[in-house]
Amino acid sequence: MGLFSGEQAQPVSVAGQELICPVCGGKHFFQRETQLNTAGMTFLGLDWANACAENYYCAQCGYMFWFHPLP
């Protein structure tokens, strides 16, 4: 189940390639974002200004892919 009720796992493509779980072979994923905190920004109290990574986690086993934002 996804983080929020009603969320449906879906197939995902990244850079034109179908995402397949390397653990269980699953092809359906939930999506979320995770903030990429850095020590410097945390020290300054500016965590909100850090970039976010896009995550996809397997609907079958929970394995998570992280994708860093590209410039």
PDB file of N, CA and C in Angstrom:
ATOM      1  N   MET A   1       0.845  -1.184   0.000  1.00  0.00           N
ATOM      2  CA  MET A   1       0.000   0.000   0.000  1.00  0.00           C
ATOM      3  C   MET A   1       0.882   1.236   0.000  1.00  0.00           C
ATOM      4  N   GLY A   2       0.424   2.282  -0.650  1.00  0.00           N
ATOM      5  CA  GLY A   2       1.173   3.520  -0.743  1.00  0.00           C
ATOM      6  C   GLY A   2       1.124   4.311   0.553  1.00  0.00           C
ATOM      7  N   LEU A   3       1.797   5.433   0.558  1.00  0.00           N
ATOM      8  CA  LEU A   3       1.822   6.280   1.736  1.00  0.00           C
ATOM      9  C   LEU A   3       0.446   6.834   2.075  1.00  0.00           C
ATOM     10  N   PHE A   4      -0.363   7.079   1.068  1.00  0.00           N
ATOM     11  CA  PHE A   4      -1.683   7.660   1.274  1.00  0.00           C
ATOM     12  C   PHE A   4      -2.728   6.701   0.730  1.00  0.00           C
ATOM     13  N   SER A   5      -3.837   6.580   1.427  1.00  0.00           N
ATOM     14  CA  SER A   5      -4.877   5.661   0.970  1.00  0.00           C
ATOM     15  C   SER A   5      -5.384   6.079  -0.405  1.00  0.00           C
ATOM     16  N   GLY A   6      -5.677   5.110  -1.230  1.00  0.00           N
ATOM     17  CA  GLY A   6      -6.165   5.373  -2.577  1.00  0.00           C
ATOM     18  C   GLY A   6      -5.065   5.478  -3.613  1.00  0.00           C
ATOM     19  N   GLU A   7      -3.814   5.561  -3.182  1.00  0.00           N
ATOM     20  CA  GLU A   7      -2.701   5.646  -4.128  1.00  0.00           C
ATOM     21  C   GLU A   7      -2.527   4.292  -4.821  1.00  0.00           C
ATOM     22  N   GLN A   8      -2.339   4.312  -6.130  1.00  0.00           N
ATOM     23  CA  GLN A   8      -2.191   3.089  -6.909  1.00  0.00           C
ATOM     24  C   GLN A   8      -0.756   2.944  -7.408  1.00  0.00           C
ATOM     25  N   ALA A   9      -0.192   1.750  -7.274  1.00  0.00           N
ATOM     26  CA  ALA A   9       1.129   1.470  -7.840  1.00  0.00           C
ATOM     27  C   ALA A   9       1.001   1.443  -9.356  1.00  0.00           C
ATOM     28  N   GLN A  10       2.028   1.967 -10.040  1.00  0.00           N
ATOM     29  CA  GLN A  10       1.988   2.062 -11.492  1.00  0.00           C
ATOM     30  C   GLN A  10       3.326   1.674 -12.091  1.00  0.00           C
ATOM     31  N   PRO A  11       3.335   1.271 -13.367  1.00  0.00           N
ATOM     32  CA  PRO A  11       4.607   1.069 -14.067  1.00  0.00           C
ATOM     33  C   PRO A  11       5.305   2.421 -14.205  1.00  0.00           C
ATOM     34  N   VAL A  12       6.643   2.404 -14.208  1.00  0.00           N
ATOM     35  CA  VAL A  12       7.433   3.633 -14.279  1.00  0.00           C
ATOM     36  C   VAL A  12       8.506   3.478 -15.343  1.00  0.00           C
ATOM     37  N   SER A  13       8.749   4.540 -16.098  1.00  0.00           N
ATOM     38  CA  SER A  13       9.861   4.582 -17.052  1.00  0.00           C
ATOM     39  C   SER A  13      10.794   5.709 -16.646  1.00  0.00           C
ATOM     40  N   VAL A  14      12.093   5.437 -16.681  1.00  0.00           N
ATOM     41  CA  VAL A  14      13.113   6.437 -16.382  1.00  0.00           C
ATOM     42  C   VAL A  14      14.085   6.455 -17.549  1.00  0.00           C
ATOM     43  N   ALA A  15      14.289   7.634 -18.127  1.00  0.00           N
ATOM     44  CA  ALA A  15      15.178   7.803 -19.286  1.00  0.00           C
ATOM     45  C   ALA A  15      14.793   6.833 -20.409  1.00  0.00           C
ATOM     46  N   GLY A  16      13.493   6.619 -20.561  1.00  0.00           N
ATOM     47  CA  GLY A  16      12.992   5.765 -21.630  1.00  0.00           C
ATOM     48  C   GLY A  16      13.087   4.270 -21.368  1.00  0.00           C
ATOM     49  N   GLN A  17      13.483   3.877 -20.155  1.00  0.00           N
ATOM     50  CA  GLN A  17      13.617   2.464 -19.800  1.00  0.00           C
ATOM     51  C   GLN A  17      12.606   2.095 -18.724  1.00  0.00           C
ATOM     52  N   GLU A  18      11.960   0.943 -18.889  1.00  0.00           N
ATOM     53  CA  GLU A  18      11.014   0.462 -17.884  1.00  0.00           C
ATOM     54  C   GLU A  18      11.765   0.130 -16.602  1.00  0.00           C
ATOM     55  N   LEU A  19      11.254   0.600 -15.481  1.00  0.00           N
ATOM     56  CA  LEU A  19      11.862   0.312 -14.191  1.00  0.00           C
ATOM     57  C   LEU A  19      11.411  -1.078 -13.743  1.00  0.00           C
ATOM     58  N   ILE A  20      12.382  -1.922 -13.385  1.00  0.00           N
ATOM     59  CA  ILE A  20      12.104  -3.280 -12.916  1.00  0.00           C
ATOM     60  C   ILE A  20      12.869  -3.482 -11.618  1.00  0.00           C
ATOM     61  N   CYS A  21      12.197  -3.966 -10.598  1.00  0.00           N
ATOM     62  CA  CYS A  21      12.822  -4.182  -9.300  1.00  0.00           C
ATOM     63  C   CYS A  21      13.905  -5.266  -9.407  1.00  0.00           C
ATOM     64  N   PRO A  22      15.137  -4.968  -8.966  1.00  0.00           N
ATOM     65  CA  PRO A  22      16.207  -5.968  -9.030  1.00  0.00           C
ATOM     66  C   PRO A  22      16.076  -7.064  -7.977  1.00  0.00           C
ATOM     67  N   VAL A  23      15.205  -6.880  -6.993  1.00  0.00           N
ATOM     68  CA  VAL A  23      15.035  -7.870  -5.930  1.00  0.00           C
ATOM     69  C   VAL A  23      13.990  -8.911  -6.300  1.00  0.00           C
ATOM     70  N   CYS A  24      12.796  -8.442  -6.705  1.00  0.00           N
ATOM     71  CA  CYS A  24      11.695  -9.382  -6.941  1.00  0.00           C
ATOM     72  C   CYS A  24      11.176  -9.376  -8.380  1.00  0.00           C
ATOM     73  N   GLY A  25      11.695  -8.474  -9.217  1.00  0.00           N
ATOM     74  CA  GLY A  25      11.235  -8.400 -10.603  1.00  0.00           C
ATOM     75  C   GLY A  25       9.941  -7.635 -10.785  1.00  0.00           C
ATOM     76  N   GLY A  26       9.463  -6.984  -9.726  1.00  0.00           N
ATOM     77  CA  GLY A  26       8.217  -6.230  -9.799  1.00  0.00           C
ATOM     78  C   GLY A  26       8.287  -5.082 -10.798  1.00  0.00           C
ATOM     79  N   LYS A  27       7.132  -4.748 -11.372  1.00  0.00           N
ATOM     80  CA  LYS A  27       7.067  -3.684 -12.372  1.00  0.00           C
ATOM     81  C   LYS A  27       6.082  -2.591 -12.004  1.00  0.00           C
ATOM     82  N   HIS A  28       5.601  -2.589 -10.770  1.00  0.00           N
ATOM     83  CA  HIS A  28       4.676  -1.555 -10.301  1.00  0.00           C
ATOM     84  C   HIS A  28       5.273  -0.886  -9.065  1.00  0.00           C
ATOM     85  N   PHE A  29       5.215   0.452  -9.064  1.00  0.00           N
ATOM     86  CA  PHE A  29       5.884   1.230  -8.030  1.00  0.00           C
ATOM     87  C   PHE A  29       4.998   2.356  -7.524  1.00  0.00           C
ATOM     88  N   PHE A  30       5.226   2.727  -6.273  1.00  0.00           N
ATOM     89  CA  PHE A  30       4.654   3.932  -5.698  1.00  0.00           C
ATOM     90  C   PHE A  30       5.714   5.011  -5.801  1.00  0.00           C
ATOM     91  N   GLN A  31       5.287   6.279  -5.891  1.00  0.00           N
ATOM     92  CA  GLN A  31       6.217   7.398  -6.024  1.00  0.00           C
ATOM     93  C   GLN A  31       6.176   8.267  -4.785  1.00  0.00           C
ATOM     94  N   ARG A  32       7.336   8.849  -4.420  1.00  0.00           N
ATOM     95  CA  ARG A  32       7.418   9.823  -3.330  1.00  0.00           C
ATOM     96  C   ARG A  32       8.632  10.702  -3.553  1.00  0.00           C
ATOM     97  N   GLU A  33       8.760  11.774  -2.795  1.00  0.00           N
ATOM     98  CA  GLU A  33       9.933  12.635  -2.823  1.00  0.00           C
ATOM     99  C   GLU A  33      10.593  12.613  -1.461  1.00  0.00           C
ATOM    100  N   THR A  34      11.937  12.718  -1.445  1.00  0.00           N
ATOM    101  CA  THR A  34      12.684  12.762  -0.206  1.00  0.00           C
ATOM    102  C   THR A  34      13.648  13.936  -0.272  1.00  0.00           C
ATOM    103  N   GLN A  35      13.657  14.739   0.772  1.00  0.00           N
ATOM    104  CA  GLN A  35      14.550  15.894   0.807  1.00  0.00           C
ATOM    105  C   GLN A  35      15.983  15.432   1.032  1.00  0.00           C
ATOM    106  N   LEU A  36      16.911  16.019   0.280  1.00  0.00           N
ATOM    107  CA  LEU A  36      18.329  15.693   0.378  1.00  0.00           C
ATOM    108  C   LEU A  36      19.016  16.723   1.275  1.00  0.00           C
ATOM    109  N   ASN A  37      18.957  16.497   2.568  1.00  0.00           N
ATOM    110  CA  ASN A  37      19.538  17.452   3.513  1.00  0.00           C
ATOM    111  C   ASN A  37      21.057  17.442   3.462  1.00  0.00           C
ATOM    112  N   THR A  38      21.644  18.611   3.663  1.00  0.00           N
ATOM    113  CA  THR A  38      23.097  18.743   3.747  1.00  0.00           C
ATOM    114  C   THR A  38      23.439  19.341   5.106  1.00  0.00           C
ATOM    115  N   ALA A  39      24.634  19.022   5.610  1.00  0.00           N
ATOM    116  CA  ALA A  39      25.045  19.509   6.930  1.00  0.00           C
ATOM    117  C   ALA A  39      25.071  21.033   6.984  1.00  0.00           C
ATOM    118  N   GLY A  40      25.581  21.662   5.921  1.00  0.00           N
ATOM    119  CA  GLY A  40      25.694  23.120   5.917  1.00  0.00           C
ATOM    120  C   GLY A  40      24.344  23.805   5.989  1.00  0.00           C
ATOM    121  N   MET A  41      23.397  23.355   5.181  1.00  0.00           N
ATOM    122  CA  MET A  41      22.075  23.969   5.183  1.00  0.00           C
ATOM    123  C   MET A  41      21.339  23.696   6.493  1.00  0.00           C
ATOM    124  N   THR A  42      21.547  22.516   7.075  1.00  0.00           N
ATOM    125  CA  THR A  42      20.935  22.205   8.361  1.00  0.00           C
ATOM    126  C   THR A  42      21.510  23.116   9.441  1.00  0.00           C
ATOM    127  N   PHE A  43      22.826  23.311   9.432  1.00  0.00           N
ATOM    128  CA  PHE A  43      23.483  24.188  10.410  1.00  0.00           C
ATOM    129  C   PHE A  43      22.917  25.604  10.337  1.00  0.00           C
ATOM    130  N   LEU A  44      22.615  26.070   9.129  1.00  0.00           N
ATOM    131  CA  LEU A  44      22.078  27.411   8.928  1.00  0.00           C
ATOM    132  C   LEU A  44      20.560  27.492   9.102  1.00  0.00           C
ATOM    133  N   GLY A  45      19.917  26.348   9.352  1.00  0.00           N
ATOM    134  CA  GLY A  45      18.471  26.320   9.512  1.00  0.00           C
ATOM    135  C   GLY A  45      17.720  26.482   8.199  1.00  0.00           C
ATOM    136  N   LEU A  46      18.361  26.110   7.088  1.00  0.00           N
ATOM    137  CA  LEU A  46      17.767  26.275   5.770  1.00  0.00           C
ATOM    138  C   LEU A  46      17.483  24.936   5.089  1.00  0.00           C
ATOM    139  N   ASP A  47      17.075  23.947   5.864  1.00  0.00           N
ATOM    140  CA  ASP A  47      16.797  22.617   5.305  1.00  0.00           C
ATOM    141  C   ASP A  47      15.792  22.684   4.161  1.00  0.00           C
ATOM    142  N   TRP A  48      14.829  23.580   4.266  1.00  0.00           N
ATOM    143  CA  TRP A  48      13.787  23.702   3.252  1.00  0.00           C
ATOM    144  C   TRP A  48      14.357  24.042   1.876  1.00  0.00           C
ATOM    145  N   ALA A  49      15.562  24.599   1.815  1.00  0.00           N
ATOM    146  CA  ALA A  49      16.148  25.015   0.535  1.00  0.00           C
ATOM    147  C   ALA A  49      16.916  23.894  -0.167  1.00  0.00           C
ATOM    148  N   ASN A  50      17.061  22.751   0.469  1.00  0.00           N
ATOM    149  CA  ASN A  50      17.765  21.626  -0.150  1.00  0.00           C
ATOM    150  C   ASN A  50      16.939  21.017  -1.279  1.00  0.00           C
ATOM    151  N   ALA A  51      17.626  20.383  -2.204  1.00  0.00           N
ATOM    152  CA  ALA A  51      16.962  19.696  -3.321  1.00  0.00           C
ATOM    153  C   ALA A  51      16.227  18.455  -2.815  1.00  0.00           C
ATOM    154  N   CYS A  52      15.336  17.935  -3.644  1.00  0.00           N
ATOM    155  CA  CYS A  52      14.604  16.708  -3.329  1.00  0.00           C
ATOM    156  C   CYS A  52      14.923  15.644  -4.380  1.00  0.00           C
ATOM    157  N   ALA A  53      14.998  14.401  -3.934  1.00  0.00           N
ATOM    158  CA  ALA A  53      15.173  13.264  -4.841  1.00  0.00           C
ATOM    159  C   ALA A  53      13.808  12.649  -5.099  1.00  0.00           C
ATOM    160  N   GLU A  54      13.653  12.095  -6.281  1.00  0.00           N
ATOM    161  CA  GLU A  54      12.424  11.375  -6.619  1.00  0.00           C
ATOM    162  C   GLU A  54      12.660   9.902  -6.302  1.00  0.00           C
ATOM    163  N   ASN A  55      11.731   9.298  -5.580  1.00  0.00           N
ATOM    164  CA  ASN A  55      11.848   7.895  -5.188  1.00  0.00           C
ATOM    165  C   ASN A  55      10.717   7.086  -5.788  1.00  0.00           C
ATOM    166  N   TYR A  56      11.033   5.855  -6.149  1.00  0.00           N
ATOM    167  CA  TYR A  56      10.028   4.880  -6.554  1.00  0.00           C
ATOM    168  C   TYR A  56      10.285   3.632  -5.726  1.00  0.00           C
ATOM    169  N   TYR A  57       9.257   3.134  -5.048  1.00  0.00           N
ATOM    170  CA  TYR A  57       9.450   1.916  -4.273  1.00  0.00           C
ATOM    171  C   TYR A  57       8.494   0.833  -4.744  1.00  0.00           C
ATOM    172  N   CYS A  58       9.042  -0.366  -4.809  1.00  0.00           N
ATOM    173  CA  CYS A  58       8.351  -1.526  -5.360  1.00  0.00           C
ATOM    174  C   CYS A  58       7.106  -1.860  -4.544  1.00  0.00           C
ATOM    175  N   ALA A  59       6.013  -2.079  -5.243  1.00  0.00           N
ATOM    176  CA  ALA A  59       4.745  -2.425  -4.597  1.00  0.00           C
ATOM    177  C   ALA A  59       4.765  -3.831  -4.010  1.00  0.00           C
ATOM    178  N   GLN A  60       5.706  -4.682  -4.463  1.00  0.00           N
ATOM    179  CA  GLN A  60       5.748  -6.065  -3.975  1.00  0.00           C
ATOM    180  C   GLN A  60       6.684  -6.250  -2.786  1.00  0.00           C
ATOM    181  N   CYS A  61       7.892  -5.648  -2.856  1.00  0.00           N
ATOM    182  CA  CYS A  61       8.873  -5.919  -1.799  1.00  0.00           C
ATOM    183  C   CYS A  61       9.376  -4.669  -1.083  1.00  0.00           C
ATOM    184  N   GLY A  62       9.076  -3.478  -1.603  1.00  0.00           N
ATOM    185  CA  GLY A  62       9.479  -2.252  -0.935  1.00  0.00           C
ATOM    186  C   GLY A  62      10.849  -1.714  -1.314  1.00  0.00           C
ATOM    187  N   TYR A  63      11.570  -2.403  -2.203  1.00  0.00           N
ATOM    188  CA  TYR A  63      12.881  -1.908  -2.633  1.00  0.00           C
ATOM    189  C   TYR A  63      12.717  -0.504  -3.207  1.00  0.00           C
ATOM    190  N   MET A  64      13.623   0.421  -2.824  1.00  0.00           N
ATOM    191  CA  MET A  64      13.461   1.816  -3.238  1.00  0.00           C
ATOM    192  C   MET A  64      14.582   2.275  -4.157  1.00  0.00           C
ATOM    193  N   PHE A  65      14.176   2.910  -5.260  1.00  0.00           N
ATOM    194  CA  PHE A  65      15.103   3.587  -6.178  1.00  0.00           C
ATOM    195  C   PHE A  65      15.129   5.065  -5.817  1.00  0.00           C
ATOM    196  N   TRP A  66      16.309   5.668  -5.845  1.00  0.00           N
ATOM    197  CA  TRP A  66      16.472   7.111  -5.608  1.00  0.00           C
ATOM    198  C   TRP A  66      17.011   7.729  -6.897  1.00  0.00           C
ATOM    199  N   PHE A  67      16.413   8.845  -7.326  1.00  0.00           N
ATOM    200  CA  PHE A  67      16.894   9.574  -8.494  1.00  0.00           C
ATOM    201  C   PHE A  67      17.162  11.014  -8.088  1.00  0.00           C
ATOM    202  N   HIS A  68      18.432  11.388  -8.191  1.00  0.00           N
ATOM    203  CA  HIS A  68      18.859  12.751  -7.864  1.00  0.00           C
ATOM    204  C   HIS A  68      18.406  13.691  -8.975  1.00  0.00           C
ATOM    205  N   PRO A  69      17.974  14.906  -8.639  1.00  0.00           N
ATOM    206  CA  PRO A  69      17.564  15.847  -9.688  1.00  0.00           C
ATOM    207  C   PRO A  69      18.754  16.235 -10.566  1.00  0.00           C
ATOM    208  N   LEU A  70      18.534  16.249 -11.869  1.00  0.00           N
ATOM    209  CA  LEU A  70      19.584  16.643 -12.803  1.00  0.00           C
ATOM    210  C   LEU A  70      19.513  18.148 -13.051  1.00  0.00           C
ATOM    211  N   PRO A  71      20.666  18.788 -13.310  1.00  0.00           N
ATOM    212  CA  PRO A  71      20.659  20.238 -13.562  1.00  0.00           C
ATOM    213  C   PRO A  71      19.952  20.580 -14.868  1.00  0.00           C
TER     214      PRO A  71
END
